[in-house]
Amino acid sequence: MSEQEARELTSRLAAEQRAARTELAGVYRSDWWDRAIAAEIANTWQLAREWSGEDPEAVRAEARMRDELRARYGVDVDVDAANTDPAAVRVARRARHRWGSRSRRRRGSPRAISSGSPAS
């Protein structure tokens, strides 16, 4: 490999790393998690995994994703790698949404609770 080719390769790698960091930055924002679809989460997880050997920021993003996946969807990527499948995340998200809706209905609205009326 020539010196010129090495410089071009280094430059290309640096550009790819910047692009990866930009994409991984979303995992630190709640609004990203609220809007992200399962395939996007899976792709971002894969990106973090791919760069984790090269970039400490990817290691941090992977750890954050691991925590968010566990907290939001009950998906433990350390236990079952199949849970990183977009369909598994989608199912977990739907279940979490349904469970959360039922829980809110049982508790009632804040107004109903504060007024002492029974929850609907």
PDB file of N, CA and C in Angstrom:
ATOM      1  N   MET A   1       0.853  -1.173   0.000  1.00  0.00           N
ATOM      2  CA  MET A   1       0.000   0.000   0.000  1.00  0.00           C
ATOM      3  C   MET A   1       0.898   1.236   0.000  1.00  0.00           C
ATOM      4  N   SER A   2       0.574   2.152  -0.869  1.00  0.00           N
ATOM      5  CA  SER A   2       1.359   3.381  -0.954  1.00  0.00           C
ATOM      6  C   SER A   2       0.999   4.322   0.192  1.00  0.00           C
ATOM      7  N   GLU A   3       1.832   5.305   0.381  1.00  0.00           N
ATOM      8  CA  GLU A   3       1.577   6.306   1.422  1.00  0.00           C
ATOM      9  C   GLU A   3       0.281   7.061   1.132  1.00  0.00           C
ATOM     10  N   GLN A   4       0.051   7.357  -0.126  1.00  0.00           N
ATOM     11  CA  GLN A   4      -1.180   8.051  -0.534  1.00  0.00           C
ATOM     12  C   GLN A   4      -2.412   7.195  -0.221  1.00  0.00           C
ATOM     13  N   GLU A   5      -2.348   5.918  -0.536  1.00  0.00           N
ATOM     14  CA  GLU A   5      -3.469   5.017  -0.252  1.00  0.00           C
ATOM     15  C   GLU A   5      -3.711   4.903   1.252  1.00  0.00           C
ATOM     16  N   ALA A   6      -2.633   4.865   2.008  1.00  0.00           N
ATOM     17  CA  ALA A   6      -2.759   4.786   3.470  1.00  0.00           C
ATOM     18  C   ALA A   6      -3.438   6.036   4.018  1.00  0.00           C
ATOM     19  N   ARG A   7      -3.067   7.208   3.505  1.00  0.00           N
ATOM     20  CA  ARG A   7      -3.703   8.457   3.948  1.00  0.00           C
ATOM     21  C   ARG A   7      -5.187   8.468   3.589  1.00  0.00           C
ATOM     22  N   GLU A   8      -5.506   8.019   2.384  1.00  0.00           N
ATOM     23  CA  GLU A   8      -6.906   7.979   1.959  1.00  0.00           C
ATOM     24  C   GLU A   8      -7.718   7.017   2.825  1.00  0.00           C
ATOM     25  N   LEU A   9      -7.130   5.878   3.118  1.00  0.00           N
ATOM     26  CA  LEU A   9      -7.810   4.899   3.960  1.00  0.00           C
ATOM     27  C   LEU A   9      -8.019   5.449   5.371  1.00  0.00           C
ATOM     28  N   THR A  10      -7.008   6.094   5.909  1.00  0.00           N
ATOM     29  CA  THR A  10      -7.116   6.701   7.236  1.00  0.00           C
ATOM     30  C   THR A  10      -8.187   7.781   7.246  1.00  0.00           C
ATOM     31  N   SER A  11      -8.221   8.580   6.204  1.00  0.00           N
ATOM     32  CA  SER A  11      -9.218   9.641   6.097  1.00  0.00           C
ATOM     33  C   SER A  11     -10.628   9.056   5.997  1.00  0.00           C
ATOM     34  N   ARG A  12     -10.770   8.016   5.211  1.00  0.00           N
ATOM     35  CA  ARG A  12     -12.076   7.370   5.053  1.00  0.00           C
ATOM     36  C   ARG A  12     -12.537   6.749   6.374  1.00  0.00           C
ATOM     37  N   LEU A  13     -11.619   6.113   7.072  1.00  0.00           N
ATOM     38  CA  LEU A  13     -11.950   5.508   8.358  1.00  0.00           C
ATOM     39  C   LEU A  13     -12.383   6.575   9.365  1.00  0.00           C
ATOM     40  N   ALA A  14     -11.677   7.696   9.383  1.00  0.00           N
ATOM     41  CA  ALA A  14     -12.038   8.791  10.294  1.00  0.00           C
ATOM     42  C   ALA A  14     -13.425   9.337   9.963  1.00  0.00           C
ATOM     43  N   ALA A  15     -13.742   9.450   8.686  1.00  0.00           N
ATOM     44  CA  ALA A  15     -15.068   9.935   8.280  1.00  0.00           C
ATOM     45  C   ALA A  15     -16.152   8.944   8.699  1.00  0.00           C
ATOM     46  N   GLU A  16     -15.892   7.663   8.538  1.00  0.00           N
ATOM     47  CA  GLU A  16     -16.862   6.647   8.954  1.00  0.00           C
ATOM     48  C   GLU A  16     -17.057   6.664  10.466  1.00  0.00           C
ATOM     49  N   GLN A  17     -15.979   6.885  11.198  1.00  0.00           N
ATOM     50  CA  GLN A  17     -16.077   6.950  12.650  1.00  0.00           C
ATOM     51  C   GLN A  17     -16.904   8.161  13.082  1.00  0.00           C
ATOM     52  N   ARG A  18     -16.700   9.300  12.440  1.00  0.00           N
ATOM     53  CA  ARG A  18     -17.503  10.488  12.760  1.00  0.00           C
ATOM     54  C   ARG A  18     -18.978  10.234  12.468  1.00  0.00           C
ATOM     55  N   ALA A  19     -19.258   9.589  11.345  1.00  0.00           N
ATOM     56  CA  ALA A  19     -20.651   9.280  10.997  1.00  0.00           C
ATOM     57  C   ALA A  19     -21.260   8.323  12.022  1.00  0.00           C
ATOM     58  N   ALA A  20     -20.496   7.335  12.444  1.00  0.00           N
ATOM     59  CA  ALA A  20     -20.988   6.384  13.447  1.00  0.00           C
ATOM     60  C   ALA A  20     -21.267   7.098  14.761  1.00  0.00           C
ATOM     61  N   ARG A  21     -20.363   7.966  15.173  1.00  0.00           N
ATOM     62  CA  ARG A  21     -20.571   8.706  16.424  1.00  0.00           C
ATOM     63  C   ARG A  21     -21.818   9.578  16.351  1.00  0.00           C
ATOM     64  N   THR A  22     -22.047  10.172  15.204  1.00  0.00           N
ATOM     65  CA  THR A  22     -23.244  11.000  15.032  1.00  0.00           C
ATOM     66  C   THR A  22     -24.492  10.148  15.206  1.00  0.00           C
ATOM     67  N   GLU A  23     -24.494   8.982  14.591  1.00  0.00           N
ATOM     68  CA  GLU A  23     -25.652   8.093  14.711  1.00  0.00           C
ATOM     69  C   GLU A  23     -25.808   7.568  16.135  1.00  0.00           C
ATOM     70  N   LEU A  24     -24.715   7.246  16.781  1.00  0.00           N
ATOM     71  CA  LEU A  24     -24.771   6.703  18.140  1.00  0.00           C
ATOM     72  C   LEU A  24     -25.168   7.750  19.174  1.00  0.00           C
ATOM     73  N   ALA A  25     -24.992   9.009  18.862  1.00  0.00           N
ATOM     74  CA  ALA A  25     -25.318  10.073  19.817  1.00  0.00           C
ATOM     75  C   ALA A  25     -26.789  10.051  20.216  1.00  0.00           C
ATOM     76  N   GLY A  26     -27.638   9.560  19.344  1.00  0.00           N
ATOM     77  CA  GLY A  26     -29.066   9.518  19.646  1.00  0.00           C
ATOM     78  C   GLY A  26     -29.419   8.666  20.848  1.00  0.00           C
ATOM     79  N   VAL A  27     -28.629   7.658  21.143  1.00  0.00           N
ATOM     80  CA  VAL A  27     -28.992   6.733  22.221  1.00  0.00           C
ATOM     81  C   VAL A  27     -28.978   7.385  23.598  1.00  0.00           C
ATOM     82  N   TYR A  28     -28.433   8.580  23.689  1.00  0.00           N
ATOM     83  CA  TYR A  28     -28.393   9.296  24.967  1.00  0.00           C
ATOM     84  C   TYR A  28     -29.613  10.192  25.166  1.00  0.00           C
ATOM     85  N   ARG A  29     -30.488  10.242  24.166  1.00  0.00           N
ATOM     86  CA  ARG A  29     -31.661  11.119  24.241  1.00  0.00           C
ATOM     87  C   ARG A  29     -32.941  10.296  24.375  1.00  0.00           C
ATOM     88  N   SER A  30     -33.787  10.656  25.312  1.00  0.00           N
ATOM     89  CA  SER A  30     -35.062   9.960  25.507  1.00  0.00           C
ATOM     90  C   SER A  30     -35.944  10.055  24.273  1.00  0.00           C
ATOM     91  N   ASP A  31     -35.932  11.206  23.605  1.00  0.00           N
ATOM     92  CA  ASP A  31     -36.793  11.356  22.432  1.00  0.00           C
ATOM     93  C   ASP A  31     -36.386  10.400  21.315  1.00  0.00           C
ATOM     94  N   TRP A  32     -35.105  10.069  21.222  1.00  0.00           N
ATOM     95  CA  TRP A  32     -34.673   9.086  20.222  1.00  0.00           C
ATOM     96  C   TRP A  32     -35.313   7.740  20.536  1.00  0.00           C
ATOM     97  N   TRP A  33     -35.260   7.346  21.793  1.00  0.00           N
ATOM     98  CA  TRP A  33     -35.831   6.065  22.200  1.00  0.00           C
ATOM     99  C   TRP A  33     -37.342   6.053  22.025  1.00  0.00           C
ATOM    100  N   ASP A  34     -37.977   7.172  22.287  1.00  0.00           N
ATOM    101  CA  ASP A  34     -39.433   7.245  22.158  1.00  0.00           C
ATOM    102  C   ASP A  34     -39.882   7.098  20.706  1.00  0.00           C
ATOM    103  N   ARG A  35     -39.076   7.576  19.773  1.00  0.00           N
ATOM    104  CA  ARG A  35     -39.457   7.555  18.356  1.00  0.00           C
ATOM    105  C   ARG A  35     -38.846   6.407  17.565  1.00  0.00           C
ATOM    106  N   ALA A  36     -37.772   5.830  18.037  1.00  0.00           N
ATOM    107  CA  ALA A  36     -37.040   4.820  17.262  1.00  0.00           C
ATOM    108  C   ALA A  36     -37.889   3.572  17.049  1.00  0.00           C
ATOM    109  N   ILE A  37     -37.858   3.085  15.821  1.00  0.00           N
ATOM    110  CA  ILE A  37     -38.534   1.823  15.529  1.00  0.00           C
ATOM    111  C   ILE A  37     -37.553   0.686  15.811  1.00  0.00           C
ATOM    112  N   ALA A  38     -38.073  -0.515  15.894  1.00  0.00           N
ATOM    113  CA  ALA A  38     -37.252  -1.669  16.274  1.00  0.00           C
ATOM    114  C   ALA A  38     -36.048  -1.853  15.357  1.00  0.00           C
ATOM    115  N   ALA A  39     -36.242  -1.705  14.058  1.00  0.00           N
ATOM    116  CA  ALA A  39     -35.130  -1.893  13.119  1.00  0.00           C
ATOM    117  C   ALA A  39     -34.044  -0.847  13.346  1.00  0.00           C
ATOM    118  N   GLU A  40     -34.440   0.368  13.668  1.00  0.00           N
ATOM    119  CA  GLU A  40     -33.468   1.431  13.929  1.00  0.00           C
ATOM    120  C   GLU A  40     -32.664   1.129  15.195  1.00  0.00           C
ATOM    121  N   ILE A  41     -33.348   0.643  16.210  1.00  0.00           N
ATOM    122  CA  ILE A  41     -32.664   0.270  17.447  1.00  0.00           C
ATOM    123  C   ILE A  41     -31.677  -0.863  17.167  1.00  0.00           C
ATOM    124  N   ALA A  42     -32.125  -1.857  16.427  1.00  0.00           N
ATOM    125  CA  ALA A  42     -31.256  -2.995  16.107  1.00  0.00           C
ATOM    126  C   ALA A  42     -30.052  -2.555  15.278  1.00  0.00           C
ATOM    127  N   ASN A  43     -30.270  -1.684  14.306  1.00  0.00           N
ATOM    128  CA  ASN A  43     -29.158  -1.206  13.476  1.00  0.00           C
ATOM    129  C   ASN A  43     -28.166  -0.388  14.292  1.00  0.00           C
ATOM    130  N   THR A  44     -28.675   0.429  15.193  1.00  0.00           N
ATOM    131  CA  THR A  44     -27.795   1.249  16.023  1.00  0.00           C
ATOM    132  C   THR A  44     -27.025   0.366  17.003  1.00  0.00           C
ATOM    133  N   TRP A  45     -27.691  -0.649  17.528  1.00  0.00           N
ATOM    134  CA  TRP A  45     -27.010  -1.611  18.404  1.00  0.00           C
ATOM    135  C   TRP A  45     -25.862  -2.278  17.643  1.00  0.00           C
ATOM    136  N   GLN A  46     -26.146  -2.715  16.429  1.00  0.00           N
ATOM    137  CA  GLN A  46     -25.119  -3.373  15.622  1.00  0.00           C
ATOM    138  C   GLN A  46     -23.962  -2.419  15.336  1.00  0.00           C
ATOM    139  N   LEU A  47     -24.270  -1.175  15.043  1.00  0.00           N
ATOM    140  CA  LEU A  47     -23.230  -0.178  14.790  1.00  0.00           C
ATOM    141  C   LEU A  47     -22.343   0.001  16.022  1.00  0.00           C
ATOM    142  N   ALA A  48     -22.963   0.096  17.182  1.00  0.00           N
ATOM    143  CA  ALA A  48     -22.187   0.234  18.422  1.00  0.00           C
ATOM    144  C   ALA A  48     -21.293  -0.982  18.628  1.00  0.00           C
ATOM    145  N   ARG A  49     -21.830  -2.154  18.372  1.00  0.00           N
ATOM    146  CA  ARG A  49     -21.043  -3.383  18.528  1.00  0.00           C
ATOM    147  C   ARG A  49     -19.862  -3.410  17.552  1.00  0.00           C
ATOM    148  N   GLU A  50     -20.119  -2.992  16.316  1.00  0.00           N
ATOM    149  CA  GLU A  50     -19.062  -3.012  15.306  1.00  0.00           C
ATOM    150  C   GLU A  50     -17.917  -2.069  15.652  1.00  0.00           C
ATOM    151  N   TRP A  51     -18.234  -0.913  16.201  1.00  0.00           N
ATOM    152  CA  TRP A  51     -17.208   0.085  16.502  1.00  0.00           C
ATOM    153  C   TRP A  51     -16.620  -0.056  17.901  1.00  0.00           C
ATOM    154  N   SER A  52     -17.183  -0.895  18.737  1.00  0.00           N
ATOM    155  CA  SER A  52     -16.737  -0.960  20.134  1.00  0.00           C
ATOM    156  C   SER A  52     -15.279  -1.393  20.283  1.00  0.00           C
ATOM    157  N   GLY A  53     -14.747  -2.094  19.324  1.00  0.00           N
ATOM    158  CA  GLY A  53     -13.340  -2.474  19.390  1.00  0.00           C
ATOM    159  C   GLY A  53     -12.389  -1.353  19.002  1.00  0.00           C
ATOM    160  N   GLU A  54     -12.933  -0.313  18.383  1.00  0.00           N
ATOM    161  CA  GLU A  54     -12.112   0.786  17.874  1.00  0.00           C
ATOM    162  C   GLU A  54     -12.338   2.116  18.577  1.00  0.00           C
ATOM    163  N   ASP A  55     -13.515   2.284  19.156  1.00  0.00           N
ATOM    164  CA  ASP A  55     -13.904   3.611  19.629  1.00  0.00           C
ATOM    165  C   ASP A  55     -14.534   3.527  21.019  1.00  0.00           C
ATOM    166  N   PRO A  56     -13.935   4.181  22.000  1.00  0.00           N
ATOM    167  CA  PRO A  56     -14.504   4.153  23.352  1.00  0.00           C
ATOM    168  C   PRO A  56     -15.913   4.751  23.413  1.00  0.00           C
ATOM    169  N   GLU A  57     -16.231   5.671  22.519  1.00  0.00           N
ATOM    170  CA  GLU A  57     -17.578   6.243  22.499  1.00  0.00           C
ATOM    171  C   GLU A  57     -18.603   5.174  22.108  1.00  0.00           C
ATOM    172  N   ALA A  58     -18.223   4.281  21.230  1.00  0.00           N
ATOM    173  CA  ALA A  58     -19.113   3.181  20.850  1.00  0.00           C
ATOM    174  C   ALA A  58     -19.322   2.231  22.029  1.00  0.00           C
ATOM    175  N   VAL A  59     -18.297   2.036  22.829  1.00  0.00           N
ATOM    176  CA  VAL A  59     -18.424   1.198  24.030  1.00  0.00           C
ATOM    177  C   VAL A  59     -19.439   1.825  24.982  1.00  0.00           C
ATOM    178  N   ARG A  60     -19.354   3.139  25.170  1.00  0.00           N
ATOM    179  CA  ARG A  60     -20.307   3.835  26.044  1.00  0.00           C
ATOM    180  C   ARG A  60     -21.726   3.769  25.471  1.00  0.00           C
ATOM    181  N   ALA A  61     -21.848   3.947  24.166  1.00  0.00           N
ATOM    182  CA  ALA A  61     -23.171   3.886  23.531  1.00  0.00           C
ATOM    183  C   ALA A  61     -23.764   2.482  23.671  1.00  0.00           C
ATOM    184  N   GLU A  62     -22.931   1.477  23.506  1.00  0.00           N
ATOM    185  CA  GLU A  62     -23.396   0.095  23.659  1.00  0.00           C
ATOM    186  C   GLU A  62     -23.897  -0.144  25.082  1.00  0.00           C
ATOM    187  N   ALA A  63     -23.166   0.356  26.062  1.00  0.00           N
ATOM    188  CA  ALA A  63     -23.585   0.198  27.460  1.00  0.00           C
ATOM    189  C   ALA A  63     -24.905   0.924  27.710  1.00  0.00           C
ATOM    190  N   ARG A  64     -25.037   2.112  27.154  1.00  0.00           N
ATOM    191  CA  ARG A  64     -26.289   2.863  27.321  1.00  0.00           C
ATOM    192  C   ARG A  64     -27.452   2.121  26.678  1.00  0.00           C
ATOM    193  N   MET A  65     -27.215   1.586  25.492  1.00  0.00           N
ATOM    194  CA  MET A  65     -28.268   0.838  24.811  1.00  0.00           C
ATOM    195  C   MET A  65     -28.653  -0.401  25.612  1.00  0.00           C
ATOM    196  N   ARG A  66     -27.671  -1.069  26.158  1.00  0.00           N
ATOM    197  CA  ARG A  66     -27.934  -2.257  26.975  1.00  0.00           C
ATOM    198  C   ARG A  66     -28.862  -1.877  28.138  1.00  0.00           C
ATOM    199  N   ASP A  67     -28.551  -0.762  28.799  1.00  0.00           N
ATOM    200  CA  ASP A  67     -29.370  -0.299  29.924  1.00  0.00           C
ATOM    201  C   ASP A  67     -30.777   0.090  29.474  1.00  0.00           C
ATOM    202  N   GLU A  68     -30.869   0.836  28.378  1.00  0.00           N
ATOM    203  CA  GLU A  68     -32.181   1.280  27.885  1.00  0.00           C
ATOM    204  C   GLU A  68     -33.028   0.102  27.414  1.00  0.00           C
ATOM    205  N   LEU A  69     -32.418  -0.838  26.723  1.00  0.00           N
ATOM    206  CA  LEU A  69     -33.162  -2.009  26.246  1.00  0.00           C
ATOM    207  C   LEU A  69     -33.715  -2.815  27.416  1.00  0.00           C
ATOM    208  N   ARG A  70     -32.924  -2.922  28.457  1.00  0.00           N
ATOM    209  CA  ARG A  70     -33.376  -3.661  29.639  1.00  0.00           C
ATOM    210  C   ARG A  70     -34.493  -2.890  30.348  1.00  0.00           C
ATOM    211  N   ALA A  71     -34.296  -1.596  30.542  1.00  0.00           N
ATOM    212  CA  ALA A  71     -35.264  -0.791  31.294  1.00  0.00           C
ATOM    213  C   ALA A  71     -36.566  -0.574  30.524  1.00  0.00           C
ATOM    214  N   ARG A  72     -36.464  -0.278  29.247  1.00  0.00           N
ATOM    215  CA  ARG A  72     -37.656   0.056  28.465  1.00  0.00           C
ATOM    216  C   ARG A  72     -38.427  -1.159  27.979  1.00  0.00           C
ATOM    217  N   TYR A  73     -37.708  -2.198  27.573  1.00  0.00           N
ATOM    218  CA  TYR A  73     -38.358  -3.313  26.886  1.00  0.00           C
ATOM    219  C   TYR A  73     -38.160  -4.661  27.563  1.00  0.00           C
ATOM    220  N   GLY A  74     -37.393  -4.692  28.637  1.00  0.00           N
ATOM    221  CA  GLY A  74     -37.139  -5.961  29.300  1.00  0.00           C
ATOM    222  C   GLY A  74     -36.256  -6.882  28.484  1.00  0.00           C
ATOM    223  N   VAL A  75     -35.498  -6.328  27.555  1.00  0.00           N
ATOM    224  CA  VAL A  75     -34.611  -7.113  26.703  1.00  0.00           C
ATOM    225  C   VAL A  75     -33.218  -7.084  27.314  1.00  0.00           C
ATOM    226  N   ASP A  76     -32.701  -8.261  27.636  1.00  0.00           N
ATOM    227  CA  ASP A  76     -31.360  -8.366  28.193  1.00  0.00           C
ATOM    228  C   ASP A  76     -30.447  -8.955  27.126  1.00  0.00           C
ATOM    229  N   VAL A  77     -29.711  -8.109  26.446  1.00  0.00           N
ATOM    230  CA  VAL A  77     -28.880  -8.566  25.335  1.00  0.00           C
ATOM    231  C   VAL A  77     -27.726  -9.438  25.802  1.00  0.00           C
ATOM    232  N   ASP A  78     -27.392  -9.382  27.081  1.00  0.00           N
ATOM    233  CA  ASP A  78     -26.317 -10.222  27.596  1.00  0.00           C
ATOM    234  C   ASP A  78     -26.767 -11.669  27.778  1.00  0.00           C
ATOM    235  N   VAL A  79     -28.049 -11.867  27.986  1.00  0.00           N
ATOM    236  CA  VAL A  79     -28.570 -13.204  28.242  1.00  0.00           C
ATOM    237  C   VAL A  79     -28.939 -13.911  26.948  1.00  0.00           C
ATOM    238  N   ASP A  80     -29.591 -13.200  26.051  1.00  0.00           N
ATOM    239  CA  ASP A  80     -30.120 -13.842  24.857  1.00  0.00           C
ATOM    240  C   ASP A  80     -29.900 -12.947  23.650  1.00  0.00           C
ATOM    241  N   ALA A  81     -28.914 -13.274  22.849  1.00  0.00           N
ATOM    242  CA  ALA A  81     -28.595 -12.456  21.678  1.00  0.00           C
ATOM    243  C   ALA A  81     -29.763 -12.375  20.708  1.00  0.00           C
ATOM    244  N   ALA A  82     -30.658 -13.332  20.721  1.00  0.00           N
ATOM    245  CA  ALA A  82     -31.816 -13.300  19.825  1.00  0.00           C
ATOM    246  C   ALA A  82     -32.722 -12.118  20.141  1.00  0.00           C
ATOM    247  N   ASN A  83     -32.642 -11.599  21.353  1.00  0.00           N
ATOM    248  CA  ASN A  83     -33.481 -10.463  21.726  1.00  0.00           C
ATOM    249  C   ASN A  83     -33.101  -9.181  21.005  1.00  0.00           C
ATOM    250  N   THR A  84     -31.970  -9.163  20.326  1.00  0.00           N
ATOM    251  CA  THR A  84     -31.607  -7.964  19.580  1.00  0.00           C
ATOM    252  C   THR A  84     -32.295  -7.940  18.220  1.00  0.00           C
ATOM    253  N   ASP A  85     -33.025  -8.991  17.916  1.00  0.00           N
ATOM    254  CA  ASP A  85     -33.785  -9.050  16.682  1.00  0.00           C
ATOM    255  C   ASP A  85     -34.859  -7.961  16.700  1.00  0.00           C
ATOM    256  N   PRO A  86     -35.011  -7.215  15.612  1.00  0.00           N
ATOM    257  CA  PRO A  86     -36.016  -6.144  15.595  1.00  0.00           C
ATOM    258  C   PRO A  86     -37.414  -6.622  15.967  1.00  0.00           C
ATOM    259  N   ALA A  87     -37.781  -7.814  15.547  1.00  0.00           N
ATOM    260  CA  ALA A  87     -39.115  -8.320  15.871  1.00  0.00           C
ATOM    261  C   ALA A  87     -39.267  -8.522  17.378  1.00  0.00           C
ATOM    262  N   ALA A  88     -38.212  -8.976  18.039  1.00  0.00           N
ATOM    263  CA  ALA A  88     -38.278  -9.176  19.488  1.00  0.00           C
ATOM    264  C   ALA A  88     -38.445  -7.843  20.207  1.00  0.00           C
ATOM    265  N   VAL A  89     -37.738  -6.834  19.744  1.00  0.00           N
ATOM    266  CA  VAL A  89     -37.873  -5.512  20.353  1.00  0.00           C
ATOM    267  C   VAL A  89     -39.276  -4.970  20.109  1.00  0.00           C
ATOM    268  N   ARG A  90     -39.803  -5.177  18.911  1.00  0.00           N
ATOM    269  CA  ARG A  90     -41.150  -4.707  18.579  1.00  0.00           C
ATOM    270  C   ARG A  90     -42.188  -5.373  19.490  1.00  0.00           C
ATOM    271  N   VAL A  91     -42.067  -6.674  19.691  1.00  0.00           N
ATOM    272  CA  VAL A  91     -43.001  -7.392  20.564  1.00  0.00           C
ATOM    273  C   VAL A  91     -42.879  -6.872  21.996  1.00  0.00           C
ATOM    274  N   ALA A  92     -41.657  -6.681  22.456  1.00  0.00           N
ATOM    275  CA  ALA A  92     -41.452  -6.174  23.817  1.00  0.00           C
ATOM    276  C   ALA A  92     -42.033  -4.775  23.968  1.00  0.00           C
ATOM    277  N   ARG A  93     -41.859  -3.945  22.943  1.00  0.00           N
ATOM    278  CA  ARG A  93     -42.389  -2.583  22.993  1.00  0.00           C
ATOM    279  C   ARG A  93     -43.916  -2.606  23.072  1.00  0.00           C
ATOM    280  N   ARG A  94     -44.549  -3.450  22.264  1.00  0.00           N
ATOM    281  CA  ARG A  94     -46.013  -3.541  22.296  1.00  0.00           C
ATOM    282  C   ARG A  94     -46.501  -4.034  23.658  1.00  0.00           C
ATOM    283  N   ALA A  95     -45.826  -5.036  24.179  1.00  0.00           N
ATOM    284  CA  ALA A  95     -46.220  -5.571  25.484  1.00  0.00           C
ATOM    285  C   ALA A  95     -46.054  -4.511  26.560  1.00  0.00           C
ATOM    286  N   ARG A  96     -44.969  -3.782  26.512  1.00  0.00           N
ATOM    287  CA  ARG A  96     -44.718  -2.727  27.499  1.00  0.00           C
ATOM    288  C   ARG A  96     -45.784  -1.641  27.384  1.00  0.00           C
ATOM    289  N   HIS A  97     -46.139  -1.295  26.135  1.00  0.00           N
ATOM    290  CA  HIS A  97     -47.155  -0.268  25.918  1.00  0.00           C
ATOM    291  C   HIS A  97     -48.502  -0.733  26.468  1.00  0.00           C
ATOM    292  N   ARG A  98     -48.882  -1.971  26.155  1.00  0.00           N
ATOM    293  CA  ARG A  98     -50.161  -2.497  26.652  1.00  0.00           C
ATOM    294  C   ARG A  98     -50.166  -2.563  28.168  1.00  0.00           C
ATOM    295  N   TRP A  99     -49.091  -3.040  28.740  1.00  0.00           N
ATOM    296  CA  TRP A  99     -49.005  -3.149  30.194  1.00  0.00           C
ATOM    297  C   TRP A  99     -49.090  -1.769  30.822  1.00  0.00           C
ATOM    298  N   GLY A 100     -48.373  -0.813  30.258  1.00  0.00           N
ATOM    299  CA  GLY A 100     -48.392   0.546  30.787  1.00  0.00           C
ATOM    300  C   GLY A 100     -49.770   1.167  30.700  1.00  0.00           C
ATOM    301  N   SER A 101     -50.494   0.915  29.604  1.00  0.00           N
ATOM    302  CA  SER A 101     -51.842   1.461  29.445  1.00  0.00           C
ATOM    303  C   SER A 101     -52.780   0.896  30.497  1.00  0.00           C
ATOM    304  N   ARG A 102     -52.704  -0.403  30.735  1.00  0.00           N
ATOM    305  CA  ARG A 102     -53.565  -1.018  31.745  1.00  0.00           C
ATOM    306  C   ARG A 102     -53.224  -0.492  33.126  1.00  0.00           C
ATOM    307  N   SER A 103     -51.946  -0.330  33.374  1.00  0.00           N
ATOM    308  CA  SER A 103     -51.518   0.161  34.681  1.00  0.00           C
ATOM    309  C   SER A 103     -52.041   1.578  34.917  1.00  0.00           C
ATOM    310  N   ARG A 104     -51.967   2.423  33.894  1.00  0.00           N
ATOM    311  CA  ARG A 104     -52.463   3.794  34.034  1.00  0.00           C
ATOM    312  C   ARG A 104     -53.970   3.790  34.268  1.00  0.00           C
ATOM    313  N   ARG A 105     -54.693   2.889  33.579  1.00  0.00           N
ATOM    314  CA  ARG A 105     -56.143   2.833  33.766  1.00  0.00           C
ATOM    315  C   ARG A 105     -56.493   2.406  35.183  1.00  0.00           C
ATOM    316  N   ARG A 106     -55.742   1.457  35.721  1.00  0.00           N
ATOM    317  CA  ARG A 106     -56.020   0.999  37.081  1.00  0.00           C
ATOM    318  C   ARG A 106     -55.763   2.105  38.095  1.00  0.00           C
ATOM    319  N   ARG A 107     -54.719   2.857  37.863  1.00  0.00           N
ATOM    320  CA  ARG A 107     -54.391   3.924  38.807  1.00  0.00           C
ATOM    321  C   ARG A 107     -55.325   5.113  38.645  1.00  0.00           C
ATOM    322  N   GLY A 108     -55.897   5.273  37.476  1.00  0.00           N
ATOM    323  CA  GLY A 108     -56.771   6.408  37.227  1.00  0.00           C
ATOM    324  C   GLY A 108     -55.979   7.638  36.860  1.00  0.00           C
ATOM    325  N   SER A 109     -56.692   8.661  36.498  1.00  0.00           N
ATOM    326  CA  SER A 109     -56.026   9.903  36.127  1.00  0.00           C
ATOM    327  C   SER A 109     -55.588  10.624  37.389  1.00  0.00           C
ATOM    328  N   PRO A 110     -54.609  11.497  37.294  1.00  0.00           N
ATOM    329  CA  PRO A 110     -54.177  12.248  38.478  1.00  0.00           C
ATOM    330  C   PRO A 110     -55.330  13.043  39.093  1.00  0.00           C
ATOM    331  N   ARG A 111     -56.218  13.580  38.257  1.00  0.00           N
ATOM    332  CA  ARG A 111     -57.339  14.359  38.770  1.00  0.00           C
ATOM    333  C   ARG A 111     -58.279  13.475  39.585  1.00  0.00           C
ATOM    334  N   ALA A 112     -58.555  12.275  39.064  1.00  0.00           N
ATOM    335  CA  ALA A 112     -59.458  11.366  39.772  1.00  0.00           C
ATOM    336  C   ALA A 112     -58.864  10.953  41.110  1.00  0.00           C
ATOM    337  N   ILE A 113     -57.583  10.725  41.136  1.00  0.00           N
ATOM    338  CA  ILE A 113     -56.942  10.307  42.378  1.00  0.00           C
ATOM    339  C   ILE A 113     -56.941  11.452  43.380  1.00  0.00           C
ATOM    340  N   SER A 114     -56.604  12.644  42.926  1.00  0.00           N
ATOM    341  CA  SER A 114     -56.523  13.763  43.860  1.00  0.00           C
ATOM    342  C   SER A 114     -57.896  14.183  44.374  1.00  0.00           C
ATOM    343  N   SER A 115     -58.951  13.918  43.606  1.00  0.00           N
ATOM    344  CA  SER A 115     -60.283  14.308  44.061  1.00  0.00           C
ATOM    345  C   SER A 115     -60.927  13.241  44.932  1.00  0.00           C
ATOM    346  N   GLY A 116     -60.250  12.092  45.038  1.00  0.00           N
ATOM    347  CA  GLY A 116     -60.777  11.035  45.876  1.00  0.00           C
ATOM    348  C   GLY A 116     -61.786  10.152  45.176  1.00  0.00           C
ATOM    349  N   SER A 117     -62.104  10.426  43.915  1.00  0.00           N
ATOM    350  CA  SER A 117     -63.052   9.575  43.203  1.00  0.00           C
ATOM    351  C   SER A 117     -62.350   8.306  42.753  1.00  0.00           C
ATOM    352  N   PRO A 118     -63.092   7.220  42.572  1.00  0.00           N
ATOM    353  CA  PRO A 118     -62.460   5.959  42.177  1.00  0.00           C
ATOM    354  C   PRO A 118     -61.863   6.052  40.785  1.00  0.00           C
ATOM    355  N   ALA A 119     -60.810   5.288  40.587  1.00  0.00           N
ATOM    356  CA  ALA A 119     -60.159   5.247  39.271  1.00  0.00           C
ATOM    357  C   ALA A 119     -61.049   4.498  38.311  1.00  0.00           C
ATOM    358  N   SER A 120     -61.044   4.907  37.053  1.00  0.00           N
ATOM    359  CA  SER A 120     -61.878   4.234  36.057  1.00  0.00           C
ATOM    360  C   SER A 120     -61.180   3.050  35.473  1.00  0.00           C
TER     361      SER A 120
END
